[in-house]
Amino acid sequence: MGIQDNIKEVEDEIRKTPYNKATSHHIGKLKAKLARLRDEVEKIASSKSGGDGYSVRKSGDATVALVGFPSVGKSTLLNKLTGANSEVGAYDFTTLDVIPGVLDHKGATIQILDVPGLVKGAASGRGRGKEVISVVRSSNLVIFILDVFQTHHYEVLVQELNAAGIRVDQEPPDVTIKRQDRGGIIISRTLELDLPDRLIIAVLNEYRIHNAHVLIRENITVDQLIDVVLDNRIYVDSITVVNKVDLADESLIEDAMNVFPDSILISADKGKNLGAVKDSIFESLNFIRIYMKPQGEPADMDEPMIVVNGTTVGDICDKLHRDFRRKFRYSQIWGRSAKHPGQRAGLDHFLYDKDILTLIIQK
């Protein structure tokens, strides 16, 4: 029996097993086995192809992926936001490659990628799904584009990304697993858990982890525990845009707003409400401003560097010049991330919004 047969067998057993307290342990073990088998398939496929996915050179301050079913208006939206030349047509799968565009907004340069439409089964490779998903995995933000007449597609899109290891609008579980040479599985917790210890141990054993210290700081599900064990999940924020509202009646628009109260209603074709999309992209990317100060000179307070929150001094070095990290000596920082004005810091120091930074580089 091959891996795919094993996967189908486990999926069938999960599907036919009613979920209750008595079966939760069994289903948890099955989910762990299923995730392991799928991970093995992914590794085999990647090794045969030399790595899957489109090759897109990232540029700008952040990268945003437009995700939606075919013919929902992704190409039209990209063209209106960036002036890119993505082919537009009233038929499915018009976009057969990744089309990049650049949005300049509030001082930030944002790369936006129009990818082929996702369909049900994309995570398994249908409709070039694996290539599309590889682009999404490397993006800083996802924009879900829905047709106002088919907003139910949202659930399919999220499910396909989830099946591919992309967790939308979620935070990584607050769980630490430290493998050890001996001592068995030791579980520490800071609160009461719904997961019993024996299920946690069973999941770890499925991945051949028999000696480890597990520290759990939040009430997690078995799926979240599996995510931590696999350690290859991507966590990304999203924006939902409902398109073609110029063609819909008021009742349909109201229904869409009831289901997606935080969505942005647009007509990409008519250019309606695109300013709100630009503002939402900027805010969702959680940008911070870093002011550079040459050694012995005043800081440039007029044109900050726009970077994503979580940027380190090393990331700034990489942005400025390919040799800066190698030649880096130290940095000086003024601002909220510094313990005192002019604090010396290394490459791993995390910067805060409006920090002033001086880089000392070997000459």
Foldseek 3Di string as FASTA:
>chain_A
DDLVVVLVVLVVVLVPDDDDPVCQLVNLLSVLLNVVSVVVVVVVVCVVVVHDADDDDDDWQFEEEEAAAFQLCLQLLQCLQFVWDQDDDNDAFSDDHKTWGWHQDPQTTYIYIYHHYDDQCLLVCPPNSVRSLVVVLRGQEYEYEAALVCNVCVVRRCVSNVSNQEHEPDDQFPKDKAADDDDFEAEAEPDDEPDDPVSLSSSCVSVVRGGIYMYHYDHDDSVSSSSVVVVPHGYHYYAYEHEDVVVDDPVSVVVVCVVVVRHHYAYSVVGGPSVVVVVVVVVRQQWAWEWEAEPPGDTDPPRTDIHGAFAFQLNVLVVPDVCQLVFFDWKFKDDDQDPDHRDTHDRNRGDGHPMYMYTDGDD
